[in-house]
All heavy atoms as atom14 arrays in JSON, in Angstrom:
{
  "sequence": "RRFPQQRPDVEKQIPPLEKAGYVRFDGNVVSLTP",
  "atom14_mask": [
    [1, 1, 1, 1, 1, 1, 1, 1, 1, 1, 1, 0, 0, 0],
    [1, 1, 1, 1, 1, 1, 1, 1, 1, 1, 1, 0, 0, 0],
    [1, 1, 1, 1, 1, 1, 1, 1, 1, 1, 1, 0, 0, 0],
    [1, 1, 1, 1, 1, 1, 1, 0, 0, 0, 0, 0, 0, 0],
    [1, 1, 1, 1, 1, 1, 1, 1, 1, 0, 0, 0, 0, 0],
    [1, 1, 1, 1, 1, 1, 1, 1, 1, 0, 0, 0, 0, 0],
    [1, 1, 1, 1, 1, 1, 1, 1, 1, 1, 1, 0, 0, 0],
    [1, 1, 1, 1, 1, 1, 1, 0, 0, 0, 0, 0, 0, 0],
    [1, 1, 1, 1, 1, 1, 1, 1, 0, 0, 0, 0, 0, 0],
    [1, 1, 1, 1, 1, 1, 1, 0, 0, 0, 0, 0, 0, 0],
    [1, 1, 1, 1, 1, 1, 1, 1, 1, 0, 0, 0, 0, 0],
    [1, 1, 1, 1, 1, 1, 1, 1, 1, 0, 0, 0, 0, 0],
    [1, 1, 1, 1, 1, 1, 1, 1, 1, 0, 0, 0, 0, 0],
    [1, 1, 1, 1, 1, 1, 1, 1, 0, 0, 0, 0, 0, 0],
    [1, 1, 1, 1, 1, 1, 1, 0, 0, 0, 0, 0, 0, 0],
    [1, 1, 1, 1, 1, 1, 1, 0, 0, 0, 0, 0, 0, 0],
    [1, 1, 1, 1, 1, 1, 1, 1, 0, 0, 0, 0, 0, 0],
    [1, 1, 1, 1, 1, 1, 1, 1, 1, 0, 0, 0, 0, 0],
    [1, 1, 1, 1, 1, 1, 1, 1, 1, 0, 0, 0, 0, 0],
    [1, 1, 1, 1, 1, 0, 0, 0, 0, 0, 0, 0, 0, 0],
    [1, 1, 1, 1, 0, 0, 0, 0, 0, 0, 0, 0, 0, 0],
    [1, 1, 1, 1, 1, 1, 1, 1, 1, 1, 1, 1, 0, 0],
    [1, 1, 1, 1, 1, 1, 1, 0, 0, 0, 0, 0, 0, 0],
    [1, 1, 1, 1, 1, 1, 1, 1, 1, 1, 1, 0, 0, 0],
    [1, 1, 1, 1, 1, 1, 1, 1, 1, 1, 1, 0, 0, 0],
    [1, 1, 1, 1, 1, 1, 1, 1, 0, 0, 0, 0, 0, 0],
    [1, 1, 1, 1, 0, 0, 0, 0, 0, 0, 0, 0, 0, 0],
    [1, 1, 1, 1, 1, 1, 1, 1, 0, 0, 0, 0, 0, 0],
    [1, 1, 1, 1, 1, 1, 1, 0, 0, 0, 0, 0, 0, 0],
    [1, 1, 1, 1, 1, 1, 1, 0, 0, 0, 0, 0, 0, 0],
    [1, 1, 1, 1, 1, 1, 0, 0, 0, 0, 0, 0, 0, 0],
    [1, 1, 1, 1, 1, 1, 1, 1, 0, 0, 0, 0, 0, 0],
    [1, 1, 1, 1, 1, 1, 1, 0, 0, 0, 0, 0, 0, 0],
    [1, 1, 1, 1, 1, 1, 1, 0, 0, 0, 0, 0, 0, 0]
  ],
  "atom14_positions": [
    [[71.91, 87.82, 96.43], [72.04, 87.76, 95.03], [70.47, 87.5, 94.49], [70.33, 87.88, 93.29], [72.96, 86.67, 94.63], [74.39, 86.93, 94.84], [75.2, 85.79, 94.67], [74.99, 84.69, 95.56], [75.83, 83.67, 95.91], [76.93, 83.47, 95.13], [75.56, 82.86, 96.8], [0.0, 0.0, 0.0], [0.0, 0.0, 0.0], [0.0, 0.0, 0.0]],
    [[69.65, 87.05, 95.25], [68.24, 86.75, 94.73], [67.46, 88.12, 94.71], [66.36, 88.15, 94.2], [67.58, 85.76, 95.54], [68.28, 84.45, 95.61], [67.45, 83.29, 96.31], [66.11, 83.11, 95.84], [64.99, 83.38, 96.69], [65.08, 83.63, 97.9], [63.88, 83.11, 96.13], [0.0, 0.0, 0.0], [0.0, 0.0, 0.0], [0.0, 0.0, 0.0]],
    [[67.9, 89.18, 95.31], [67.17, 90.35, 95.54], [68.05, 91.57, 95.13], [68.4, 92.35, 96.06], [66.61, 90.49, 96.86], [65.84, 89.35, 97.33], [66.4, 88.32, 98.1], [64.54, 89.25, 96.9], [65.76, 87.13, 98.51], [63.72, 88.02, 97.3], [64.27, 87.06, 98.16], [0.0, 0.0, 0.0], [0.0, 0.0, 0.0], [0.0, 0.0, 0.0]],
    [[68.45, 91.73, 93.9], [69.41, 92.77, 93.48], [68.88, 94.21, 93.76], [69.6, 95.11, 94.15], [69.69, 92.57, 91.96], [68.45, 91.69, 91.52], [68.13, 90.73, 92.76], [0.0, 0.0, 0.0], [0.0, 0.0, 0.0], [0.0, 0.0, 0.0], [0.0, 0.0, 0.0], [0.0, 0.0, 0.0], [0.0, 0.0, 0.0], [0.0, 0.0, 0.0]],
    [[67.6, 94.41, 93.71], [66.98, 95.76, 93.72], [67.05, 96.08, 95.26], [67.39, 97.31, 95.59], [65.49, 95.64, 93.3], [64.94, 97.07, 93.27], [63.47, 97.03, 92.78], [63.12, 96.06, 92.12], [62.71, 98.1, 93.05], [0.0, 0.0, 0.0], [0.0, 0.0, 0.0], [0.0, 0.0, 0.0], [0.0, 0.0, 0.0], [0.0, 0.0, 0.0]],
    [[66.91, 95.2, 96.18], [66.86, 95.6, 97.64], [68.31, 95.47, 98.26], [68.55, 95.9, 99.37], [65.91, 94.64, 98.4], [64.49, 94.89, 98.12], [64.01, 94.05, 96.89], [64.75, 93.34, 96.23], [62.73, 94.27, 96.41], [0.0, 0.0, 0.0], [0.0, 0.0, 0.0], [0.0, 0.0, 0.0], [0.0, 0.0, 0.0], [0.0, 0.0, 0.0]],
    [[69.24, 94.91, 97.55], [70.49, 94.49, 98.21], [71.21, 95.76, 98.7], [71.7, 95.73, 99.88], [71.45, 93.7, 97.04], [72.79, 93.4, 97.65], [73.48, 92.59, 96.64], [74.87, 92.19, 97.22], [75.45, 90.96, 96.8], [75.04, 90.32, 96.0], [76.7, 90.81, 97.43], [0.0, 0.0, 0.0], [0.0, 0.0, 0.0], [0.0, 0.0, 0.0]],
    [[71.35, 96.88, 97.98], [72.09, 97.99, 98.55], [71.5, 98.49, 99.84], [72.36, 98.79, 100.79], [71.91, 99.09, 97.38], [71.71, 98.3, 96.23], [70.82, 97.0, 96.63], [0.0, 0.0, 0.0], [0.0, 0.0, 0.0], [0.0, 0.0, 0.0], [0.0, 0.0, 0.0], [0.0, 0.0, 0.0], [0.0, 0.0, 0.0], [0.0, 0.0, 0.0]],
    [[70.25, 98.48, 100.05], [69.66, 98.98, 101.2], [69.96, 98.07, 102.37], [70.25, 98.58, 103.48], [68.13, 99.19, 101.04], [67.73, 100.29, 100.17], [68.67, 101.29, 100.02], [66.75, 100.34, 99.7], [0.0, 0.0, 0.0], [0.0, 0.0, 0.0], [0.0, 0.0, 0.0], [0.0, 0.0, 0.0], [0.0, 0.0, 0.0], [0.0, 0.0, 0.0]],
    [[69.94, 96.82, 102.13], [70.24, 95.86, 103.27], [71.74, 95.85, 103.63], [72.06, 95.83, 104.81], [69.85, 94.32, 102.7], [70.28, 93.29, 103.79], [68.32, 94.27, 102.44], [0.0, 0.0, 0.0], [0.0, 0.0, 0.0], [0.0, 0.0, 0.0], [0.0, 0.0, 0.0], [0.0, 0.0, 0.0], [0.0, 0.0, 0.0], [0.0, 0.0, 0.0]],
    [[72.54, 95.89, 102.57], [73.9, 95.85, 102.88], [74.37, 97.14, 103.81], [75.26, 97.03, 104.54], [74.84, 95.94, 101.57], [74.87, 94.56, 100.85], [75.87, 94.53, 99.79], [76.09, 95.55, 99.15], [76.27, 93.41, 99.5], [0.0, 0.0, 0.0], [0.0, 0.0, 0.0], [0.0, 0.0, 0.0], [0.0, 0.0, 0.0], [0.0, 0.0, 0.0]],
    [[73.72, 98.19, 103.56], [74.01, 99.48, 104.4], [73.88, 99.21, 105.93], [74.54, 99.69, 106.75], [73.09, 100.57, 103.98], [73.51, 101.2, 102.74], [72.55, 102.43, 102.36], [72.61, 102.82, 100.9], [71.57, 103.62, 100.55], [0.0, 0.0, 0.0], [0.0, 0.0, 0.0], [0.0, 0.0, 0.0], [0.0, 0.0, 0.0], [0.0, 0.0, 0.0]],
    [[72.86, 98.21, 106.28], [72.49, 98.03, 107.61], [73.39, 96.94, 108.26], [73.26, 96.69, 109.47], [71.11, 97.47, 107.64], [70.1, 98.43, 107.14], [70.17, 99.96, 107.71], [70.41, 100.04, 108.96], [69.93, 100.96, 106.9], [0.0, 0.0, 0.0], [0.0, 0.0, 0.0], [0.0, 0.0, 0.0], [0.0, 0.0, 0.0], [0.0, 0.0, 0.0]],
    [[74.16, 96.16, 107.45], [74.87, 94.99, 108.01], [76.06, 95.44, 108.98], [76.31, 94.69, 110.02], [75.29, 94.18, 106.72], [74.12, 93.58, 106.11], [76.45, 93.09, 107.33], [74.43, 92.64, 104.95], [0.0, 0.0, 0.0], [0.0, 0.0, 0.0], [0.0, 0.0, 0.0], [0.0, 0.0, 0.0], [0.0, 0.0, 0.0], [0.0, 0.0, 0.0]],
    [[76.89, 96.29, 108.57], [78.23, 96.63, 109.33], [77.93, 96.63, 110.86], [78.57, 95.99, 111.71], [78.77, 97.82, 108.67], [78.41, 97.7, 107.35], [76.98, 97.18, 107.38], [0.0, 0.0, 0.0], [0.0, 0.0, 0.0], [0.0, 0.0, 0.0], [0.0, 0.0, 0.0], [0.0, 0.0, 0.0], [0.0, 0.0, 0.0], [0.0, 0.0, 0.0]],
    [[77.09, 97.56, 111.48], [77.01, 97.76, 112.75], [76.32, 96.43, 113.48], [76.72, 96.02, 114.65], [76.03, 98.83, 113.07], [75.24, 99.0, 111.61], [76.3, 98.58, 110.66], [0.0, 0.0, 0.0], [0.0, 0.0, 0.0], [0.0, 0.0, 0.0], [0.0, 0.0, 0.0], [0.0, 0.0, 0.0], [0.0, 0.0, 0.0], [0.0, 0.0, 0.0]],
    [[75.5, 95.74, 112.7], [74.84, 94.39, 113.21], [75.99, 93.42, 113.3], [75.99, 92.55, 114.3], [73.73, 93.99, 112.37], [72.44, 94.9, 112.45], [71.48, 94.6, 111.37], [71.78, 95.01, 113.86], [0.0, 0.0, 0.0], [0.0, 0.0, 0.0], [0.0, 0.0, 0.0], [0.0, 0.0, 0.0], [0.0, 0.0, 0.0], [0.0, 0.0, 0.0]],
    [[76.8, 93.39, 112.31], [77.95, 92.3, 112.33], [78.96, 92.61, 113.44], [79.42, 91.77, 114.09], [78.69, 92.38, 110.9], [79.53, 91.3, 110.58], [80.26, 91.34, 109.28], [80.2, 92.37, 108.6], [80.45, 90.28, 108.59], [0.0, 0.0, 0.0], [0.0, 0.0, 0.0], [0.0, 0.0, 0.0], [0.0, 0.0, 0.0], [0.0, 0.0, 0.0]],
    [[79.19, 93.91, 113.59], [80.2, 94.39, 114.65], [79.57, 93.97, 116.05], [80.28, 93.61, 116.91], [80.42, 95.84, 114.63], [81.42, 96.36, 115.52], [81.69, 97.76, 115.37], [82.87, 98.21, 116.34], [83.12, 99.72, 116.13], [0.0, 0.0, 0.0], [0.0, 0.0, 0.0], [0.0, 0.0, 0.0], [0.0, 0.0, 0.0], [0.0, 0.0, 0.0]],
    [[78.38, 94.02, 116.22], [77.64, 93.73, 117.54], [77.47, 92.2, 117.77], [77.02, 91.77, 118.82], [76.25, 94.4, 117.65], [0.0, 0.0, 0.0], [0.0, 0.0, 0.0], [0.0, 0.0, 0.0], [0.0, 0.0, 0.0], [0.0, 0.0, 0.0], [0.0, 0.0, 0.0], [0.0, 0.0, 0.0], [0.0, 0.0, 0.0], [0.0, 0.0, 0.0]],
    [[77.88, 91.44, 116.7], [77.72, 89.93, 116.82], [76.47, 89.48, 116.51], [76.11, 88.21, 116.81], [0.0, 0.0, 0.0], [0.0, 0.0, 0.0], [0.0, 0.0, 0.0], [0.0, 0.0, 0.0], [0.0, 0.0, 0.0], [0.0, 0.0, 0.0], [0.0, 0.0, 0.0], [0.0, 0.0, 0.0], [0.0, 0.0, 0.0], [0.0, 0.0, 0.0]],
    [[75.57, 90.12, 115.91], [74.21, 89.71, 115.65], [74.08, 89.06, 114.35], [73.14, 88.22, 114.19], [73.24, 90.85, 115.73], [73.08, 91.46, 117.03], [72.85, 92.75, 117.27], [73.02, 90.62, 118.32], [72.69, 93.35, 118.54], [72.86, 91.16, 119.51], [72.77, 92.41, 119.68], [72.57, 93.08, 120.99], [0.0, 0.0, 0.0], [0.0, 0.0, 0.0]],
    [[74.84, 89.4, 113.25], [74.81, 88.68, 111.9], [76.13, 88.35, 111.45], [77.16, 88.91, 111.96], [74.08, 89.81, 110.97], [72.78, 90.09, 111.48], [75.03, 90.86, 110.57], [0.0, 0.0, 0.0], [0.0, 0.0, 0.0], [0.0, 0.0, 0.0], [0.0, 0.0, 0.0], [0.0, 0.0, 0.0], [0.0, 0.0, 0.0], [0.0, 0.0, 0.0]],
    [[76.17, 87.37, 110.52], [77.26, 87.05, 109.72], [77.07, 87.5, 108.28], [75.88, 87.51, 107.83], [77.53, 85.6, 109.8], [77.73, 85.02, 111.17], [78.22, 83.54, 111.01], [78.26, 82.93, 112.32], [77.3, 82.14, 112.99], [76.11, 82.05, 112.26], [77.41, 81.67, 114.09], [0.0, 0.0, 0.0], [0.0, 0.0, 0.0], [0.0, 0.0, 0.0]],
    [[78.13, 87.85, 107.47], [77.93, 88.2, 106.11], [79.2, 87.81, 105.38], [80.24, 88.13, 105.75], [77.81, 89.82, 106.12], [77.6, 90.3, 104.55], [76.5, 89.7, 103.86], [78.13, 91.29, 103.97], [76.08, 90.04, 102.55], [77.82, 91.63, 102.74], [76.88, 91.14, 102.03], [0.0, 0.0, 0.0], [0.0, 0.0, 0.0], [0.0, 0.0, 0.0]],
    [[78.97, 86.88, 104.38], [80.04, 86.44, 103.53], [80.3, 87.16, 102.34], [81.1, 86.76, 101.39], [79.91, 84.95, 103.29], [78.77, 84.63, 102.29], [78.14, 85.56, 101.82], [78.43, 83.47, 102.14], [0.0, 0.0, 0.0], [0.0, 0.0, 0.0], [0.0, 0.0, 0.0], [0.0, 0.0, 0.0], [0.0, 0.0, 0.0], [0.0, 0.0, 0.0]],
    [[79.61, 88.37, 102.06], [79.69, 89.07, 100.81], [78.35, 88.88, 100.0], [78.13, 89.75, 99.18], [0.0, 0.0, 0.0], [0.0, 0.0, 0.0], [0.0, 0.0, 0.0], [0.0, 0.0, 0.0], [0.0, 0.0, 0.0], [0.0, 0.0, 0.0], [0.0, 0.0, 0.0], [0.0, 0.0, 0.0], [0.0, 0.0, 0.0], [0.0, 0.0, 0.0]],
    [[77.77, 87.74, 100.28], [76.41, 87.57, 99.4], [75.37, 87.21, 100.42], [74.14, 87.64, 100.23], [76.62, 86.43, 98.41], [77.45, 86.9, 97.24], [77.23, 87.97, 96.68], [78.53, 86.15, 97.02], [0.0, 0.0, 0.0], [0.0, 0.0, 0.0], [0.0, 0.0, 0.0], [0.0, 0.0, 0.0], [0.0, 0.0, 0.0], [0.0, 0.0, 0.0]],
    [[75.6, 86.35, 101.5], [74.58, 85.78, 102.25], [74.71, 86.39, 103.61], [75.73, 86.47, 104.28], [74.61, 84.27, 102.41], [73.58, 83.81, 103.24], [74.51, 83.7, 100.96], [0.0, 0.0, 0.0], [0.0, 0.0, 0.0], [0.0, 0.0, 0.0], [0.0, 0.0, 0.0], [0.0, 0.0, 0.0], [0.0, 0.0, 0.0], [0.0, 0.0, 0.0]],
    [[73.54, 87.09, 104.25], [73.5, 87.47, 105.54], [72.68, 86.52, 106.38], [71.6, 86.09, 105.96], [72.95, 88.92, 105.59], [71.52, 88.99, 104.95], [72.97, 89.5, 107.0], [0.0, 0.0, 0.0], [0.0, 0.0, 0.0], [0.0, 0.0, 0.0], [0.0, 0.0, 0.0], [0.0, 0.0, 0.0], [0.0, 0.0, 0.0], [0.0, 0.0, 0.0]],
    [[73.27, 86.15, 107.55], [72.37, 85.23, 108.39], [72.78, 85.66, 109.86], [73.67, 86.47, 110.24], [72.98, 83.88, 108.34], [74.48, 83.76, 108.52], [0.0, 0.0, 0.0], [0.0, 0.0, 0.0], [0.0, 0.0, 0.0], [0.0, 0.0, 0.0], [0.0, 0.0, 0.0], [0.0, 0.0, 0.0], [0.0, 0.0, 0.0], [0.0, 0.0, 0.0]],
    [[71.81, 85.28, 110.69], [71.76, 85.75, 112.13], [72.56, 84.71, 112.9], [72.62, 83.53, 112.6], [70.23, 85.78, 112.77], [69.68, 87.14, 112.57], [69.33, 87.4, 111.18], [68.36, 87.1, 113.34], [0.0, 0.0, 0.0], [0.0, 0.0, 0.0], [0.0, 0.0, 0.0], [0.0, 0.0, 0.0], [0.0, 0.0, 0.0], [0.0, 0.0, 0.0]],
    [[73.28, 85.22, 113.94], [74.01, 84.35, 114.7], [73.07, 83.87, 115.92], [71.84, 84.46, 116.17], [75.12, 85.12, 115.52], [74.61, 86.17, 116.3], [76.09, 85.7, 114.42], [0.0, 0.0, 0.0], [0.0, 0.0, 0.0], [0.0, 0.0, 0.0], [0.0, 0.0, 0.0], [0.0, 0.0, 0.0], [0.0, 0.0, 0.0], [0.0, 0.0, 0.0]],
    [[73.59, 82.95, 116.82], [72.53, 82.57, 117.92], [72.2, 83.92, 118.68], [71.08, 84.1, 119.17], [73.35, 81.7, 118.71], [74.12, 80.82, 117.65], [74.53, 82.03, 116.72], [0.0, 0.0, 0.0], [0.0, 0.0, 0.0], [0.0, 0.0, 0.0], [0.0, 0.0, 0.0], [0.0, 0.0, 0.0], [0.0, 0.0, 0.0], [0.0, 0.0, 0.0]]
  ]
}
């Protein structure tokens, strides 16, 4: 939410990383897992 201009590009990359267990995404905040 702090970076609306870059948000769409980042969100595109999240699904495969989330599926692989590398990141979590709650709809606004993306964070890395251990």
